[in-house]
Amino acid sequence: MSVAAVALARGLNANMLRNWVKKAERSGRPIAIRPTASSTTIDSAPAFMPVPLAATPTESAIRIEVRRNGRSISIEWPASATRECVQLLRALIK
């Protein structure tokens, strides 16, 4: 069982539990975890939970708006072509 699973079952912060385990391992003393009355079992959680996804994912876009002297220009560029967008912006800034 993972540290995260034990922490979740016990209602603890996983990072805090990891720190306790590290300290105990450094001390060389055995670690004793006692069962609690409100202990929940991890096995009761579903092993797989389906998540609905869109049939066709939309591609994210880079959106830039430049305003100068009362005028504005808007550029929308596909995020998959980030390198080309950077090249365009560098050319415009020169």
N, C-alpha and C. Protein backbone atom coordinates (compact mmCIF):
# COMPACT_ATOMS: atom_id res chain seq x y z
N MET A 1 0.85 -1.17 0.00
CA MET A 1 0.00 0.00 0.00
C MET A 1 0.90 1.23 0.00
N SER A 2 0.55 2.22 -0.76
CA SER A 2 1.37 3.43 -0.86
C SER A 2 1.15 4.34 0.35
N VAL A 3 2.12 5.23 0.55
CA VAL A 3 2.01 6.21 1.64
C VAL A 3 0.78 7.08 1.42
N ALA A 4 0.53 7.46 0.17
CA ALA A 4 -0.64 8.29 -0.13
C ALA A 4 -1.94 7.57 0.22
N ALA A 5 -2.01 6.27 -0.07
CA ALA A 5 -3.22 5.50 0.23
C ALA A 5 -3.43 5.39 1.74
N VAL A 6 -2.34 5.16 2.48
CA VAL A 6 -2.45 5.08 3.94
C VAL A 6 -2.89 6.42 4.50
N ALA A 7 -2.30 7.50 4.00
CA ALA A 7 -2.67 8.84 4.47
C ALA A 7 -4.14 9.12 4.20
N LEU A 8 -4.60 8.77 3.01
CA LEU A 8 -5.99 8.99 2.64
C LEU A 8 -6.92 8.20 3.56
N ALA A 9 -6.58 6.94 3.80
CA ALA A 9 -7.41 6.09 4.65
C ALA A 9 -7.47 6.60 6.08
N ARG A 10 -6.40 7.24 6.53
CA ARG A 10 -6.32 7.73 7.91
C ARG A 10 -6.71 9.20 8.05
N GLY A 11 -6.99 9.87 6.93
CA GLY A 11 -7.35 11.27 6.99
C GLY A 11 -6.16 12.17 7.31
N LEU A 12 -4.98 11.77 6.84
CA LEU A 12 -3.76 12.53 7.10
C LEU A 12 -3.24 13.17 5.82
N ASN A 13 -2.39 14.16 5.98
CA ASN A 13 -1.70 14.77 4.85
C ASN A 13 -0.59 13.81 4.42
N ALA A 14 -0.52 13.48 3.14
CA ALA A 14 0.45 12.50 2.65
C ALA A 14 1.89 12.97 2.86
N ASN A 15 2.17 14.24 2.66
CA ASN A 15 3.52 14.75 2.87
C ASN A 15 3.94 14.65 4.33
N MET A 16 3.00 14.93 5.24
CA MET A 16 3.30 14.81 6.66
C MET A 16 3.63 13.36 7.01
N LEU A 17 2.85 12.42 6.49
CA LEU A 17 3.09 11.01 6.76
C LEU A 17 4.44 10.57 6.20
N ARG A 18 4.79 11.04 4.98
CA ARG A 18 6.10 10.70 4.40
C ARG A 18 7.23 11.19 5.31
N ASN A 19 7.09 12.41 5.84
CA ASN A 19 8.11 12.93 6.75
C ASN A 19 8.23 12.08 8.00
N TRP A 20 7.10 11.64 8.57
CA TRP A 20 7.14 10.78 9.74
C TRP A 20 7.86 9.47 9.43
N VAL A 21 7.56 8.89 8.27
CA VAL A 21 8.19 7.62 7.89
C VAL A 21 9.69 7.81 7.72
N LYS A 22 10.11 8.90 7.06
CA LYS A 22 11.55 9.16 6.89
C LYS A 22 12.25 9.29 8.23
N LYS A 23 11.64 10.03 9.18
CA LYS A 23 12.23 10.19 10.50
C LYS A 23 12.35 8.85 11.21
N ALA A 24 11.32 8.03 11.12
CA ALA A 24 11.33 6.72 11.77
C ALA A 24 12.38 5.82 11.14
N GLU A 25 12.51 5.86 9.81
CA GLU A 25 13.52 5.03 9.15
C GLU A 25 14.92 5.45 9.55
N ARG A 26 15.16 6.78 9.68
CA ARG A 26 16.48 7.27 10.10
C ARG A 26 16.80 6.86 11.53
N SER A 27 15.77 6.78 12.38
CA SER A 27 16.01 6.44 13.79
C SER A 27 16.32 4.96 13.97
N GLY A 28 15.94 4.13 13.00
CA GLY A 28 16.20 2.70 13.10
C GLY A 28 15.19 1.94 13.95
N ARG A 29 14.21 2.64 14.50
CA ARG A 29 13.18 1.97 15.30
C ARG A 29 12.05 1.49 14.40
N PRO A 30 11.38 0.39 14.76
CA PRO A 30 10.27 -0.10 13.94
C PRO A 30 9.10 0.87 13.96
N ILE A 31 8.35 0.88 12.86
CA ILE A 31 7.18 1.74 12.73
C ILE A 31 5.95 0.90 13.08
N ALA A 32 5.15 1.39 14.01
CA ALA A 32 3.93 0.69 14.40
C ALA A 32 2.74 1.56 14.05
N ILE A 33 1.86 1.05 13.22
CA ILE A 33 0.64 1.76 12.87
C ILE A 33 -0.52 0.98 13.48
N ARG A 34 -1.21 1.63 14.41
CA ARG A 34 -2.32 0.98 15.08
C ARG A 34 -3.62 1.24 14.33
N PRO A 35 -4.50 0.25 14.25
CA PRO A 35 -5.80 0.48 13.60
C PRO A 35 -6.64 1.44 14.42
N THR A 36 -7.46 2.20 13.74
CA THR A 36 -8.38 3.12 14.42
C THR A 36 -9.80 2.66 14.20
N ALA A 37 -10.70 3.13 15.02
CA ALA A 37 -12.10 2.74 14.93
C ALA A 37 -12.72 3.23 13.63
N SER A 38 -12.29 4.40 13.16
CA SER A 38 -12.89 4.97 11.96
C SER A 38 -12.07 4.67 10.71
N SER A 39 -11.24 3.64 10.78
CA SER A 39 -10.40 3.30 9.63
C SER A 39 -11.26 2.85 8.45
N THR A 40 -10.99 3.39 7.28
CA THR A 40 -11.73 3.00 6.08
C THR A 40 -10.84 2.14 5.22
N THR A 41 -11.44 1.28 4.46
CA THR A 41 -10.65 0.42 3.60
C THR A 41 -10.56 1.03 2.22
N ILE A 42 -9.41 0.91 1.63
CA ILE A 42 -9.18 1.43 0.30
C ILE A 42 -9.89 0.57 -0.74
N ASP A 43 -10.05 -0.73 -0.44
CA ASP A 43 -10.64 -1.64 -1.40
C ASP A 43 -12.08 -1.29 -1.74
N SER A 44 -12.77 -0.53 -0.90
CA SER A 44 -14.16 -0.19 -1.17
C SER A 44 -14.28 0.88 -2.25
N ALA A 45 -13.19 1.56 -2.56
CA ALA A 45 -13.22 2.59 -3.60
C ALA A 45 -13.20 1.92 -4.97
N PRO A 46 -13.91 2.49 -5.94
CA PRO A 46 -13.90 1.89 -7.27
C PRO A 46 -12.49 1.95 -7.88
N ALA A 47 -12.10 0.88 -8.56
CA ALA A 47 -10.77 0.81 -9.14
C ALA A 47 -10.65 1.72 -10.36
N PHE A 48 -11.75 1.92 -11.06
CA PHE A 48 -11.72 2.75 -12.27
C PHE A 48 -12.95 3.61 -12.31
N MET A 49 -12.76 4.88 -12.57
CA MET A 49 -13.89 5.78 -12.70
C MET A 49 -13.82 6.44 -14.07
N PRO A 50 -14.76 6.15 -14.96
CA PRO A 50 -14.71 6.74 -16.30
C PRO A 50 -14.96 8.25 -16.27
N VAL A 51 -14.23 8.95 -17.09
CA VAL A 51 -14.38 10.40 -17.20
C VAL A 51 -14.80 10.71 -18.63
N PRO A 52 -15.95 11.37 -18.82
CA PRO A 52 -16.38 11.67 -20.18
C PRO A 52 -15.48 12.72 -20.82
N LEU A 53 -15.09 12.48 -22.06
CA LEU A 53 -14.26 13.41 -22.81
C LEU A 53 -15.01 13.86 -24.05
N ALA A 54 -14.67 15.03 -24.53
CA ALA A 54 -15.29 15.52 -25.75
C ALA A 54 -14.86 14.63 -26.91
N ALA A 55 -15.75 14.44 -27.88
CA ALA A 55 -15.45 13.58 -29.03
C ALA A 55 -14.26 14.12 -29.83
N THR A 56 -14.22 15.42 -30.05
CA THR A 56 -13.10 16.02 -30.75
C THR A 56 -12.55 17.15 -29.88
N PRO A 57 -11.38 16.92 -29.29
CA PRO A 57 -10.84 17.95 -28.42
C PRO A 57 -10.49 19.21 -29.21
N THR A 58 -10.77 20.34 -28.60
CA THR A 58 -10.45 21.60 -29.27
C THR A 58 -9.00 21.96 -28.97
N GLU A 59 -8.32 22.44 -29.99
CA GLU A 59 -6.93 22.82 -29.83
C GLU A 59 -6.86 24.18 -29.15
N SER A 60 -5.97 24.31 -28.19
CA SER A 60 -5.82 25.61 -27.53
C SER A 60 -5.10 26.58 -28.46
N ALA A 61 -5.32 27.85 -28.21
CA ALA A 61 -4.76 28.88 -29.09
C ALA A 61 -4.05 29.94 -28.27
N ILE A 62 -3.08 30.56 -28.90
CA ILE A 62 -2.39 31.71 -28.34
C ILE A 62 -3.11 32.94 -28.84
N ARG A 63 -3.55 33.80 -27.93
CA ARG A 63 -4.27 35.02 -28.33
C ARG A 63 -3.46 36.23 -27.87
N ILE A 64 -3.18 37.12 -28.81
CA ILE A 64 -2.39 38.31 -28.52
C ILE A 64 -3.14 39.52 -29.06
N GLU A 65 -3.22 40.56 -28.23
CA GLU A 65 -3.81 41.81 -28.68
C GLU A 65 -2.81 42.92 -28.41
N VAL A 66 -2.49 43.69 -29.45
CA VAL A 66 -1.54 44.80 -29.34
C VAL A 66 -2.29 46.08 -29.63
N ARG A 67 -2.14 47.05 -28.73
CA ARG A 67 -2.77 48.36 -28.91
C ARG A 67 -1.68 49.42 -29.00
N ARG A 68 -1.79 50.28 -30.01
CA ARG A 68 -0.82 51.35 -30.19
C ARG A 68 -1.47 52.50 -30.95
N ASN A 69 -1.32 53.69 -30.41
CA ASN A 69 -1.83 54.91 -31.05
C ASN A 69 -3.32 54.82 -31.41
N GLY A 70 -4.09 54.30 -30.52
CA GLY A 70 -5.53 54.22 -30.76
C GLY A 70 -5.95 53.09 -31.68
N ARG A 71 -5.04 52.30 -32.15
CA ARG A 71 -5.36 51.16 -33.01
C ARG A 71 -5.03 49.86 -32.26
N SER A 72 -5.68 48.81 -32.67
CA SER A 72 -5.38 47.51 -32.06
C SER A 72 -5.37 46.43 -33.13
N ILE A 73 -4.58 45.43 -32.86
CA ILE A 73 -4.52 44.26 -33.75
C ILE A 73 -4.60 43.03 -32.86
N SER A 74 -5.39 42.06 -33.29
CA SER A 74 -5.54 40.81 -32.55
C SER A 74 -5.00 39.67 -33.40
N ILE A 75 -4.24 38.81 -32.76
CA ILE A 75 -3.67 37.64 -33.45
C ILE A 75 -4.09 36.41 -32.67
N GLU A 76 -4.56 35.41 -33.36
CA GLU A 76 -4.87 34.12 -32.76
C GLU A 76 -4.05 33.08 -33.49
N TRP A 77 -3.25 32.33 -32.73
CA TRP A 77 -2.29 31.40 -33.31
C TRP A 77 -2.48 30.04 -32.65
N PRO A 78 -2.42 28.94 -33.40
CA PRO A 78 -2.57 27.62 -32.77
C PRO A 78 -1.40 27.35 -31.81
N ALA A 79 -1.71 26.83 -30.64
CA ALA A 79 -0.68 26.56 -29.64
C ALA A 79 0.32 25.51 -30.12
N SER A 80 -0.08 24.67 -31.05
CA SER A 80 0.84 23.66 -31.57
C SER A 80 1.96 24.28 -32.40
N ALA A 81 1.81 25.55 -32.81
CA ALA A 81 2.82 26.24 -33.61
C ALA A 81 3.43 27.40 -32.82
N THR A 82 3.75 27.15 -31.56
CA THR A 82 4.28 28.18 -30.68
C THR A 82 5.58 28.78 -31.21
N ARG A 83 6.46 27.94 -31.71
CA ARG A 83 7.76 28.42 -32.21
C ARG A 83 7.57 29.45 -33.33
N GLU A 84 6.66 29.18 -34.25
CA GLU A 84 6.41 30.11 -35.35
C GLU A 84 5.80 31.42 -34.84
N CYS A 85 4.96 31.33 -33.82
CA CYS A 85 4.36 32.53 -33.23
C CYS A 85 5.45 33.40 -32.62
N VAL A 86 6.40 32.80 -31.94
CA VAL A 86 7.50 33.55 -31.34
C VAL A 86 8.32 34.23 -32.43
N GLN A 87 8.56 33.53 -33.53
CA GLN A 87 9.31 34.13 -34.64
C GLN A 87 8.56 35.35 -35.21
N LEU A 88 7.26 35.25 -35.35
CA LEU A 88 6.47 36.37 -35.85
C LEU A 88 6.56 37.56 -34.89
N LEU A 89 6.40 37.32 -33.61
CA LEU A 89 6.46 38.38 -32.62
C LEU A 89 7.83 39.06 -32.60
N ARG A 90 8.89 38.28 -32.71
CA ARG A 90 10.24 38.87 -32.76
C ARG A 90 10.40 39.76 -33.98
N ALA A 91 9.86 39.33 -35.12
CA ALA A 91 9.95 40.13 -36.34
C ALA A 91 9.13 41.40 -36.20
N LEU A 92 7.98 41.34 -35.54
CA LEU A 92 7.14 42.53 -35.36
C LEU A 92 7.77 43.52 -34.40
N ILE A 93 8.48 43.06 -33.42
CA ILE A 93 9.08 43.94 -32.41
C ILE A 93 10.26 44.71 -32.97
N LYS A 94 10.97 44.15 -33.94
CA LYS A 94 12.15 44.82 -34.52
C LYS A 94 11.80 46.10 -35.18
